[in-house]
PDB file of N, CA and C in Angstrom:
ATOM      1  N   MET A   1       9.235  13.557  -7.435  1.00  0.00           N
ATOM      2  CA  MET A   1       8.157  14.102  -8.221  1.00  0.00           C
ATOM      3  C   MET A   1       8.184  15.624  -8.065  1.00  0.00           C
ATOM      4  N   ASP A   2       8.222  16.313  -9.155  1.00  0.00           N
ATOM      5  CA  ASP A   2       8.220  17.768  -9.165  1.00  0.00           C
ATOM      6  C   ASP A   2       6.788  18.257  -9.351  1.00  0.00           C
ATOM      7  N   LEU A   3       6.224  18.862  -8.307  1.00  0.00           N
ATOM      8  CA  LEU A   3       4.839  19.324  -8.364  1.00  0.00           C
ATOM      9  C   LEU A   3       4.648  20.491  -9.311  1.00  0.00           C
ATOM     10  N   ASN A   4       5.733  21.136  -9.710  1.00  0.00           N
ATOM     11  CA  ASN A   4       5.625  22.267 -10.641  1.00  0.00           C
ATOM     12  C   ASN A   4       5.238  21.832 -12.047  1.00  0.00           C
ATOM     13  N   THR A   5       5.333  20.541 -12.327  1.00  0.00           N
ATOM     14  CA  THR A   5       4.958  20.065 -13.662  1.00  0.00           C
ATOM     15  C   THR A   5       3.447  19.945 -13.821  1.00  0.00           C
ATOM     16  N   PHE A   6       2.704  20.049 -12.723  1.00  0.00           N
ATOM     17  CA  PHE A   6       1.249  19.959 -12.769  1.00  0.00           C
ATOM     18  C   PHE A   6       0.644  21.359 -12.782  1.00  0.00           C
ATOM     19  N   ARG A   7      -0.463  21.502 -13.504  1.00  0.00           N
ATOM     20  CA  ARG A   7      -1.106  22.819 -13.616  1.00  0.00           C
ATOM     21  C   ARG A   7      -2.000  23.140 -12.428  1.00  0.00           C
ATOM     22  N   ASN A   8      -2.578  22.099 -11.807  1.00  0.00           N
ATOM     23  CA  ASN A   8      -3.491  22.351 -10.689  1.00  0.00           C
ATOM     24  C   ASN A   8      -3.561  21.110  -9.787  1.00  0.00           C
ATOM     25  N   ASP A   9      -4.283  21.265  -8.683  1.00  0.00           N
ATOM     26  CA  ASP A   9      -4.411  20.163  -7.717  1.00  0.00           C
ATOM     27  C   ASP A   9      -5.106  18.947  -8.314  1.00  0.00           C
ATOM     28  N   LYS A  10      -6.048  19.185  -9.210  1.00  0.00           N
ATOM     29  CA  LYS A  10      -6.785  18.075  -9.821  1.00  0.00           C
ATOM     30  C   LYS A  10      -5.831  17.150 -10.587  1.00  0.00           C
ATOM     31  N   GLU A  11      -4.884  17.727 -11.297  1.00  0.00           N
ATOM     32  CA  GLU A  11      -3.905  16.913 -12.033  1.00  0.00           C
ATOM     33  C   GLU A  11      -3.022  16.114 -11.072  1.00  0.00           C
ATOM     34  N   ILE A  12      -2.663  16.728  -9.961  1.00  0.00           N
ATOM     35  CA  ILE A  12      -1.845  16.022  -8.957  1.00  0.00           C
ATOM     36  C   ILE A  12      -2.625  14.833  -8.408  1.00  0.00           C
ATOM     37  N   ILE A  13      -3.887  15.057  -8.075  1.00  0.00           N
ATOM     38  CA  ILE A  13      -4.719  13.981  -7.530  1.00  0.00           C
ATOM     39  C   ILE A  13      -4.884  12.864  -8.540  1.00  0.00           C
ATOM     40  N   GLN A  14      -5.118  13.209  -9.805  1.00  0.00           N
ATOM     41  CA  GLN A  14      -5.252  12.182 -10.843  1.00  0.00           C
ATOM     42  C   GLN A  14      -3.958  11.383 -10.987  1.00  0.00           C
ATOM     43  N   TYR A  15      -2.830  12.075 -10.917  1.00  0.00           N
ATOM     44  CA  TYR A  15      -1.541  11.388 -11.007  1.00  0.00           C
ATOM     45  C   TYR A  15      -1.365  10.416  -9.843  1.00  0.00           C
ATOM     46  N   LEU A  16      -1.644  10.903  -8.630  1.00  0.00           N
ATOM     47  CA  LEU A  16      -1.494  10.048  -7.447  1.00  0.00           C
ATOM     48  C   LEU A  16      -2.440   8.854  -7.486  1.00  0.00           C
ATOM     49  N   GLU A  17      -3.672   9.076  -7.925  1.00  0.00           N
ATOM     50  CA  GLU A  17      -4.619   7.955  -8.046  1.00  0.00           C
ATOM     51  C   GLU A  17      -4.112   6.937  -9.056  1.00  0.00           C
ATOM     52  N   GLY A  18      -3.545   7.409 -10.149  1.00  0.00           N
ATOM     53  CA  GLY A  18      -2.973   6.506 -11.145  1.00  0.00           C
ATOM     54  C   GLY A  18      -1.824   5.694 -10.581  1.00  0.00           C
ATOM     55  N   GLN A  19      -0.979   6.342  -9.775  1.00  0.00           N
ATOM     56  CA  GLN A  19       0.134   5.631  -9.151  1.00  0.00           C
ATOM     57  C   GLN A  19      -0.365   4.586  -8.161  1.00  0.00           C
ATOM     58  N   LEU A  20      -1.429   4.917  -7.419  1.00  0.00           N
ATOM     59  CA  LEU A  20      -1.993   3.955  -6.464  1.00  0.00           C
ATOM     60  C   LEU A  20      -2.590   2.743  -7.175  1.00  0.00           C
ATOM     61  N   GLU A  21      -3.184   2.982  -8.334  1.00  0.00           N
ATOM     62  CA  GLU A  21      -3.762   1.860  -9.087  1.00  0.00           C
ATOM     63  C   GLU A  21      -2.682   0.898  -9.576  1.00  0.00           C
ATOM     64  N   LYS A  22      -1.482   1.393  -9.765  1.00  0.00           N
ATOM     65  CA  LYS A  22      -0.380   0.544 -10.233  1.00  0.00           C
ATOM     66  C   LYS A  22       0.157  -0.379  -9.145  1.00  0.00           C
ATOM     67  N   ILE A  23      -0.128  -0.050  -7.882  1.00  0.00           N
ATOM     68  CA  ILE A  23       0.359  -0.899  -6.782  1.00  0.00           C
ATOM     69  C   ILE A  23      -0.423  -2.203  -6.811  1.00  0.00           C
ATOM     70  N   ASP A  24       0.297  -3.285  -6.942  1.00  0.00           N
ATOM     71  CA  ASP A  24      -0.358  -4.588  -7.046  1.00  0.00           C
ATOM     72  C   ASP A  24       0.348  -5.579  -6.136  1.00  0.00           C
ATOM     73  N   SER A  25      -0.364  -6.585  -5.738  1.00  0.00           N
ATOM     74  CA  SER A  25       0.233  -7.597  -4.871  1.00  0.00           C
ATOM     75  C   SER A  25       1.111  -8.541  -5.686  1.00  0.00           C
ATOM     76  N   LEU A  26       1.909  -9.304  -4.973  1.00  0.00           N
ATOM     77  CA  LEU A  26       2.816 -10.262  -5.593  1.00  0.00           C
ATOM     78  C   LEU A  26       2.084 -11.570  -5.884  1.00  0.00           C
ATOM     79  N   ASN A  27       2.553 -12.283  -6.885  1.00  0.00           N
ATOM     80  CA  ASN A  27       1.983 -13.586  -7.195  1.00  0.00           C
ATOM     81  C   ASN A  27       2.364 -14.557  -6.082  1.00  0.00           C
ATOM     82  N   GLU A  28       1.358 -15.153  -5.470  1.00  0.00           N
ATOM     83  CA  GLU A  28       1.617 -16.017  -4.311  1.00  0.00           C
ATOM     84  C   GLU A  28       2.001 -17.441  -4.683  1.00  0.00           C
ATOM     85  N   CYS A  29       1.885 -17.829  -5.921  1.00  0.00           N
ATOM     86  CA  CYS A  29       2.325 -19.155  -6.375  1.00  0.00           C
ATOM     87  C   CYS A  29       1.875 -20.257  -5.414  1.00  0.00           C
ATOM     88  N   ARG A  30       0.610 -20.382  -5.207  1.00  0.00           N
ATOM     89  CA  ARG A  30       0.110 -21.388  -4.261  1.00  0.00           C
ATOM     90  C   ARG A  30       0.517 -22.792  -4.705  1.00  0.00           C
ATOM     91  N   LEU A  31       0.739 -23.654  -3.734  1.00  0.00           N
ATOM     92  CA  LEU A  31       1.146 -25.029  -4.015  1.00  0.00           C
ATOM     93  C   LEU A  31      -0.063 -25.925  -4.256  1.00  0.00           C
ATOM     94  N   TYR A  32       0.141 -26.931  -5.089  1.00  0.00           N
ATOM     95  CA  TYR A  32      -0.878 -27.956  -5.261  1.00  0.00           C
ATOM     96  C   TYR A  32      -0.898 -28.839  -4.022  1.00  0.00           C
ATOM     97  N   LYS A  33      -1.975 -29.553  -3.825  1.00  0.00           N
ATOM     98  CA  LYS A  33      -2.135 -30.391  -2.634  1.00  0.00           C
ATOM     99  C   LYS A  33      -0.986 -31.402  -2.499  1.00  0.00           C
ATOM    100  N   GLU A  34      -0.590 -32.004  -3.612  1.00  0.00           N
ATOM    101  CA  GLU A  34       0.496 -33.002  -3.562  1.00  0.00           C
ATOM    102  C   GLU A  34       1.803 -32.355  -3.110  1.00  0.00           C
ATOM    103  N   GLU A  35       2.043 -31.117  -3.563  1.00  0.00           N
ATOM    104  CA  GLU A  35       3.270 -30.418  -3.202  1.00  0.00           C
ATOM    105  C   GLU A  35       3.267 -30.026  -1.719  1.00  0.00           C
ATOM    106  N   GLN A  36       2.109 -29.688  -1.199  1.00  0.00           N
ATOM    107  CA  GLN A  36       2.004 -29.282   0.196  1.00  0.00           C
ATOM    108  C   GLN A  36       2.376 -30.426   1.143  1.00  0.00           C
ATOM    109  N   LEU A  37       2.140 -31.645   0.714  1.00  0.00           N
ATOM    110  CA  LEU A  37       2.399 -32.807   1.566  1.00  0.00           C
ATOM    111  C   LEU A  37       3.855 -33.258   1.541  1.00  0.00           C
ATOM    112  N   GLN A  38       4.644 -32.747   0.605  1.00  0.00           N
ATOM    113  CA  GLN A  38       6.050 -33.146   0.518  1.00  0.00           C
ATOM    114  C   GLN A  38       6.849 -32.489   1.647  1.00  0.00           C
ATOM    115  N   LEU A  39       7.772 -33.227   2.229  1.00  0.00           N
ATOM    116  CA  LEU A  39       8.571 -32.719   3.339  1.00  0.00           C
ATOM    117  C   LEU A  39      10.053 -32.574   2.985  1.00  0.00           C
ATOM    118  N   THR A  40      10.347 -32.418   1.712  1.00  0.00           N
ATOM    119  CA  THR A  40      11.744 -32.233   1.317  1.00  0.00           C
ATOM    120  C   THR A  40      12.207 -30.842   1.745  1.00  0.00           C
ATOM    121  N   ASP A  41      13.527 -30.696   1.875  1.00  0.00           N
ATOM    122  CA  ASP A  41      14.083 -29.388   2.248  1.00  0.00           C
ATOM    123  C   ASP A  41      13.697 -28.310   1.241  1.00  0.00           C
ATOM    124  N   GLU A  42      13.752 -28.665  -0.019  1.00  0.00           N
ATOM    125  CA  GLU A  42      13.411 -27.705  -1.073  1.00  0.00           C
ATOM    126  C   GLU A  42      11.957 -27.247  -0.950  1.00  0.00           C
ATOM    127  N   MET A  43      11.044 -28.161  -0.684  1.00  0.00           N
ATOM    128  CA  MET A  43       9.624 -27.820  -0.590  1.00  0.00           C
ATOM    129  C   MET A  43       9.344 -27.007   0.675  1.00  0.00           C
ATOM    130  N   ILE A  44      10.003 -27.333   1.774  1.00  0.00           N
ATOM    131  CA  ILE A  44       9.828 -26.560   3.010  1.00  0.00           C
ATOM    132  C   ILE A  44      10.342 -25.134   2.801  1.00  0.00           C
ATOM    133  N   HIS A  45      11.481 -24.995   2.134  1.00  0.00           N
ATOM    134  CA  HIS A  45      12.008 -23.666   1.821  1.00  0.00           C
ATOM    135  C   HIS A  45      11.017 -22.889   0.940  1.00  0.00           C
ATOM    136  N   PHE A  46      10.478 -23.563  -0.060  1.00  0.00           N
ATOM    137  CA  PHE A  46       9.514 -22.928  -0.963  1.00  0.00           C
ATOM    138  C   PHE A  46       8.259 -22.495  -0.200  1.00  0.00           C
ATOM    139  N   ARG A  47       7.771 -23.338   0.709  1.00  0.00           N
ATOM    140  CA  ARG A  47       6.581 -22.988   1.509  1.00  0.00           C
ATOM    141  C   ARG A  47       6.857 -21.776   2.388  1.00  0.00           C
ATOM    142  N   ASN A  48       8.057 -21.710   2.973  1.00  0.00           N
ATOM    143  CA  ASN A  48       8.419 -20.548   3.779  1.00  0.00           C
ATOM    144  C   ASN A  48       8.452 -19.275   2.938  1.00  0.00           C
ATOM    145  N   CYS A  49       8.971 -19.378   1.733  1.00  0.00           N
ATOM    146  CA  CYS A  49       8.994 -18.216   0.827  1.00  0.00           C
ATOM    147  C   CYS A  49       7.574 -17.755   0.511  1.00  0.00           C
ATOM    148  N   ILE A  50       6.695 -18.700   0.279  1.00  0.00           N
ATOM    149  CA  ILE A  50       5.297 -18.358  -0.015  1.00  0.00           C
ATOM    150  C   ILE A  50       4.663 -17.660   1.182  1.00  0.00           C
ATOM    151  N   GLU A  51       4.961 -18.124   2.379  1.00  0.00           N
ATOM    152  CA  GLU A  51       4.429 -17.474   3.585  1.00  0.00           C
ATOM    153  C   GLU A  51       4.860 -16.016   3.651  1.00  0.00           C
ATOM    154  N   TRP A  52       6.122 -15.735   3.328  1.00  0.00           N
ATOM    155  CA  TRP A  52       6.613 -14.358   3.350  1.00  0.00           C
ATOM    156  C   TRP A  52       5.926 -13.522   2.277  1.00  0.00           C
ATOM    157  N   ILE A  53       5.687 -14.108   1.136  1.00  0.00           N
ATOM    158  CA  ILE A  53       4.992 -13.382   0.062  1.00  0.00           C
ATOM    159  C   ILE A  53       3.563 -13.064   0.489  1.00  0.00           C
ATOM    160  N   ILE A  54       2.898 -14.017   1.127  1.00  0.00           N
ATOM    161  CA  ILE A  54       1.523 -13.792   1.596  1.00  0.00           C
ATOM    162  C   ILE A  54       1.510 -12.661   2.623  1.00  0.00           C
ATOM    163  N   ARG A  55       2.449 -12.673   3.546  1.00  0.00           N
ATOM    164  CA  ARG A  55       2.530 -11.592   4.545  1.00  0.00           C
ATOM    165  C   ARG A  55       2.859 -10.259   3.887  1.00  0.00           C
ATOM    166  N   SER A  56       3.739 -10.271   2.912  1.00  0.00           N
ATOM    167  CA  SER A  56       4.085  -9.042   2.188  1.00  0.00           C
ATOM    168  C   SER A  56       2.875  -8.489   1.454  1.00  0.00           C
ATOM    169  N   ASN A  57       2.085  -9.374   0.875  1.00  0.00           N
ATOM    170  CA  ASN A  57       0.871  -8.927   0.186  1.00  0.00           C
ATOM    171  C   ASN A  57      -0.091  -8.229   1.142  1.00  0.00           C
ATOM    172  N   GLN A  58      -0.157  -8.690   2.370  1.00  0.00           N
ATOM    173  CA  GLN A  58      -1.016  -8.045   3.360  1.00  0.00           C
ATOM    174  C   GLN A  58      -0.518  -6.630   3.663  1.00  0.00           C
ATOM    175  N   VAL A  59       0.801  -6.485   3.770  1.00  0.00           N
ATOM    176  CA  VAL A  59       1.374  -5.153   4.004  1.00  0.00           C
ATOM    177  C   VAL A  59       1.108  -4.250   2.802  1.00  0.00           C
ATOM    178  N   ILE A  60       1.301  -4.768   1.594  1.00  0.00           N
ATOM    179  CA  ILE A  60       1.040  -3.996   0.375  1.00  0.00           C
ATOM    180  C   ILE A  60      -0.419  -3.539   0.350  1.00  0.00           C
ATOM    181  N   LYS A  61      -1.320  -4.450   0.665  1.00  0.00           N
ATOM    182  CA  LYS A  61      -2.749  -4.125   0.686  1.00  0.00           C
ATOM    183  C   LYS A  61      -3.044  -3.024   1.705  1.00  0.00           C
ATOM    184  N   ASN A  62      -2.446  -3.128   2.897  1.00  0.00           N
ATOM    185  CA  ASN A  62      -2.689  -2.146   3.947  1.00  0.00           C
ATOM    186  C   ASN A  62      -2.096  -0.779   3.607  1.00  0.00           C
ATOM    187  N   VAL A  63      -0.904  -0.749   3.013  1.00  0.00           N
ATOM    188  CA  VAL A  63      -0.291   0.520   2.616  1.00  0.00           C
ATOM    189  C   VAL A  63      -1.134   1.181   1.530  1.00  0.00           C
ATOM    190  N   LYS A  64      -1.559   0.400   0.559  1.00  0.00           N
ATOM    191  CA  LYS A  64      -2.390   0.953  -0.518  1.00  0.00           C
ATOM    192  C   LYS A  64      -3.700   1.505   0.043  1.00  0.00           C
ATOM    193  N   TYR A  65      -4.311   0.789   0.964  1.00  0.00           N
ATOM    194  CA  TYR A  65      -5.552   1.258   1.586  1.00  0.00           C
ATOM    195  C   TYR A  65      -5.311   2.574   2.324  1.00  0.00           C
ATOM    196  N   ALA A  66      -4.241   2.628   3.118  1.00  0.00           N
ATOM    197  CA  ALA A  66      -3.951   3.838   3.892  1.00  0.00           C
ATOM    198  C   ALA A  66      -3.687   5.027   2.977  1.00  0.00           C
ATOM    199  N   LEU A  67      -2.933   4.828   1.904  1.00  0.00           N
ATOM    200  CA  LEU A  67      -2.653   5.926   0.981  1.00  0.00           C
ATOM    201  C   LEU A  67      -3.911   6.379   0.244  1.00  0.00           C
ATOM    202  N   THR A  68      -4.768   5.441  -0.117  1.00  0.00           N
ATOM    203  CA  THR A  68      -6.020   5.787  -0.796  1.00  0.00           C
ATOM    204  C   THR A  68      -6.912   6.609   0.120  1.00  0.00           C
ATOM    205  N   ARG A  69      -7.046   6.181   1.375  1.00  0.00           N
ATOM    206  CA  ARG A  69      -7.856   6.934   2.344  1.00  0.00           C
ATOM    207  C   ARG A  69      -7.246   8.313   2.597  1.00  0.00           C
ATOM    208  N   CYS A  70      -5.940   8.357   2.733  1.00  0.00           N
ATOM    209  CA  CYS A  70      -5.240   9.623   2.955  1.00  0.00           C
ATOM    210  C   CYS A  70      -5.527  10.598   1.819  1.00  0.00           C
ATOM    211  N   LEU A  71      -5.450  10.122   0.594  1.00  0.00           N
ATOM    212  CA  LEU A  71      -5.707  10.977  -0.570  1.00  0.00           C
ATOM    213  C   LEU A  71      -7.139  11.498  -0.565  1.00  0.00           C
ATOM    214  N   LYS A  72      -8.093  10.649  -0.194  1.00  0.00           N
ATOM    215  CA  LYS A  72      -9.503  11.083  -0.163  1.00  0.00           C
ATOM    216  C   LYS A  72      -9.725  12.182   0.876  1.00  0.00           C
ATOM    217  N   TYR A  73      -9.097  12.037   2.044  1.00  0.00           N
ATOM    218  CA  TYR A  73      -9.247  13.074   3.066  1.00  0.00           C
ATOM    219  C   TYR A  73      -8.503  14.344   2.678  1.00  0.00           C
ATOM    220  N   ALA A  74      -7.362  14.209   2.031  1.00  0.00           N
ATOM    221  CA  ALA A  74      -6.621  15.394   1.567  1.00  0.00           C
ATOM    222  C   ALA A  74      -7.438  16.144   0.523  1.00  0.00           C
ATOM    223  N   GLU A  75      -8.118  15.392  -0.330  1.00  0.00           N
ATOM    224  CA  GLU A  75      -8.963  15.989  -1.365  1.00  0.00           C
ATOM    225  C   GLU A  75     -10.096  16.812  -0.753  1.00  0.00           C
ATOM    226  N   ALA A  76     -10.607  16.366   0.370  1.00  0.00           N
ATOM    227  CA  ALA A  76     -11.742  17.026   1.013  1.00  0.00           C
ATOM    228  C   ALA A  76     -11.325  18.266   1.810  1.00  0.00           C
ATOM    229  N   MET A  77     -10.020  18.439   2.016  1.00  0.00           N
ATOM    230  CA  MET A  77      -9.551  19.607   2.766  1.00  0.00           C
ATOM    231  C   MET A  77      -9.604  20.843   1.874  1.00  0.00           C
ATOM    232  N   THR A  78     -10.094  21.943   2.422  1.00  0.00           N
ATOM    233  CA  THR A  78     -10.172  23.172   1.640  1.00  0.00           C
ATOM    234  C   THR A  78      -8.943  24.048   1.826  1.00  0.00           C
ATOM    235  N   TRP A  79      -8.215  23.819   2.924  1.00  0.00           N
ATOM    236  CA  TRP A  79      -7.043  24.632   3.239  1.00  0.00           C
ATOM    237  C   TRP A  79      -6.057  23.737   3.979  1.00  0.00           C
ATOM    238  N   PRO A  80      -4.788  23.728   3.602  1.00  0.00           N
ATOM    239  CA  PRO A  80      -3.824  22.793   4.204  1.00  0.00           C
ATOM    240  C   PRO A  80      -3.642  22.939   5.718  1.00  0.00           C
ATOM    241  N   LEU A  81      -3.926  24.115   6.269  1.00  0.00           N
ATOM    242  CA  LEU A  81      -3.712  24.334   7.696  1.00  0.00           C
ATOM    243  C   LEU A  81      -4.991  24.233   8.513  1.00  0.00           C
ATOM    244  N   GLU A  82      -6.053  23.780   7.898  1.00  0.00           N
ATOM    245  CA  GLU A  82      -7.316  23.683   8.639  1.00  0.00           C
ATOM    246  C   GLU A  82      -7.217  22.658   9.762  1.00  0.00           C
ATOM    247  N   GLU A  83      -7.978  22.857  10.803  1.00  0.00           N
ATOM    248  CA  GLU A  83      -8.031  21.927  11.935  1.00  0.00           C
ATOM    249  C   GLU A  83      -9.415  21.283  11.958  1.00  0.00           C
ATOM    250  N   THR A  84      -9.582  20.247  11.161  1.00  0.00           N
ATOM    251  CA  THR A  84     -10.876  19.571  11.045  1.00  0.00           C
ATOM    252  C   THR A  84     -10.681  18.069  11.143  1.00  0.00           C
ATOM    253  N   ASP A  85     -11.801  17.360  11.126  1.00  0.00           N
ATOM    254  CA  ASP A  85     -11.734  15.890  11.115  1.00  0.00           C
ATOM    255  C   ASP A  85     -11.014  15.395   9.866  1.00  0.00           C
ATOM    256  N   ASN A  86     -11.227  16.075   8.742  1.00  0.00           N
ATOM    257  CA  ASN A  86     -10.535  15.677   7.511  1.00  0.00           C
ATOM    258  C   ASN A  86      -9.029  15.692   7.696  1.00  0.00           C
ATOM    259  N   LYS A  87      -8.510  16.752   8.325  1.00  0.00           N
ATOM    260  CA  LYS A  87      -7.068  16.846   8.519  1.00  0.00           C
ATOM    261  C   LYS A  87      -6.584  15.775   9.484  1.00  0.00           C
ATOM    262  N   GLU A  88      -7.334  15.522  10.534  1.00  0.00           N
ATOM    263  CA  GLU A  88      -6.936  14.481  11.488  1.00  0.00           C
ATOM    264  C   GLU A  88      -6.890  13.115  10.820  1.00  0.00           C
ATOM    265  N   LEU A  89      -7.910  12.802  10.030  1.00  0.00           N
ATOM    266  CA  LEU A  89      -7.946  11.500   9.359  1.00  0.00           C
ATOM    267  C   LEU A  89      -6.896  11.419   8.254  1.00  0.00           C
ATOM    268  N   TYR A  90      -6.677  12.521   7.550  1.00  0.00           N
ATOM    269  CA  TYR A  90      -5.606  12.571   6.549  1.00  0.00           C
ATOM    270  C   TYR A  90      -4.271  12.247   7.218  1.00  0.00           C
ATOM    271  N   SER A  91      -3.999  12.919   8.341  1.00  0.00           N
ATOM    272  CA  SER A  91      -2.745  12.696   9.072  1.00  0.00           C
ATOM    273  C   SER A  91      -2.640  11.264   9.581  1.00  0.00           C
ATOM    274  N   TYR A  92      -3.745  10.742  10.079  1.00  0.00           N
ATOM    275  CA  TYR A  92      -3.755   9.378  10.602  1.00  0.00           C
ATOM    276  C   TYR A  92      -3.372   8.375   9.515  1.00  0.00           C
ATOM    277  N   TYR A  93      -4.027   8.453   8.364  1.00  0.00           N
ATOM    278  CA  TYR A  93      -3.759   7.485   7.299  1.00  0.00           C
ATOM    279  C   TYR A  93      -2.374   7.682   6.686  1.00  0.00           C
ATOM    280  N   LEU A  94      -1.899   8.925   6.632  1.00  0.00           N
ATOM    281  CA  LEU A  94      -0.552   9.164   6.126  1.00  0.00           C
ATOM    282  C   LEU A  94       0.483   8.553   7.074  1.00  0.00           C
ATOM    283  N   GLU A  95       0.306   8.768   8.363  1.00  0.00           N
ATOM    284  CA  GLU A  95       1.215   8.174   9.349  1.00  0.00           C
ATOM    285  C   GLU A  95       1.153   6.653   9.304  1.00  0.00           C
ATOM    286  N   ASP A  96      -0.036   6.116   9.107  1.00  0.00           N
ATOM    287  CA  ASP A  96      -0.202   4.665   9.018  1.00  0.00           C
ATOM    288  C   ASP A  96       0.592   4.105   7.841  1.00  0.00           C
ATOM    289  N   ALA A  97       0.480   4.756   6.684  1.00  0.00           N
ATOM    290  CA  ALA A  97       1.202   4.284   5.501  1.00  0.00           C
ATOM    291  C   ALA A  97       2.711   4.390   5.701  1.00  0.00           C
ATOM    292  N   VAL A  98       3.168   5.501   6.284  1.00  0.00           N
ATOM    293  CA  VAL A  98       4.601   5.686   6.516  1.00  0.00           C
ATOM    294  C   VAL A  98       5.112   4.651   7.513  1.00  0.00           C
ATOM    295  N   TYR A  99       4.369   4.423   8.581  1.00  0.00           N
ATOM    296  CA  TYR A  99       4.759   3.431   9.585  1.00  0.00           C
ATOM    297  C   TYR A  99       4.896   2.048   8.936  1.00  0.00           C
ATOM    298  N   ARG A 100       3.928   1.668   8.139  1.00  0.00           N
ATOM    299  CA  ARG A 100       3.970   0.343   7.493  1.00  0.00           C
ATOM    300  C   ARG A 100       5.150   0.242   6.541  1.00  0.00           C
ATOM    301  N   LYS A 101       5.437   1.323   5.805  1.00  0.00           N
ATOM    302  CA  LYS A 101       6.573   1.307   4.882  1.00  0.00           C
ATOM    303  C   LYS A 101       7.872   1.176   5.659  1.00  0.00           C
ATOM    304  N   LEU A 102       8.014   1.928   6.740  1.00  0.00           N
ATOM    305  CA  LEU A 102       9.236   1.858   7.537  1.00  0.00           C
ATOM    306  C   LEU A 102       9.389   0.501   8.214  1.00  0.00           C
ATOM    307  N   ALA A 103       8.272  -0.115   8.601  1.00  0.00           N
ATOM    308  CA  ALA A 103       8.328  -1.413   9.254  1.00  0.00           C
ATOM    309  C   ALA A 103       8.814  -2.495   8.295  1.00  0.00           C
ATOM    310  N   CYS A 104       8.673  -2.263   7.000  1.00  0.00           N
ATOM    311  CA  CYS A 104       9.088  -3.255   5.995  1.00  0.00           C
ATOM    312  C   CYS A 104      10.585  -3.233   5.727  1.00  0.00           C
ATOM    313  N   LYS A 105      11.260  -2.185   6.117  1.00  0.00           N
ATOM    314  CA  LYS A 105      12.704  -2.064   5.803  1.00  0.00           C
ATOM    315  C   LYS A 105      13.535  -2.978   6.644  1.00  0.00           C
TER     316      LYS A 105
END
């Protein structure tokens, strides 16, 4: 992303908020009760896949939350080098999002 294409910070924030809204969880394809009771290899494999999708959705939710909080604290900062609670919380949520993203690789 080239920040020079934006005229001001407000446009950057609007762009980032728009990108965050696009982050969505995966379809979990829940099984029907009859399917859950089947013990075939195919059904067990499918259930395991669903478990991974459910766990992935939790990570997606947490990353989105951390980035949203980070953006709100960054918005409240008046100067990038300030030493305030806003900067500490901004840094905390940014590190949280990066950690979660790296943990997924």
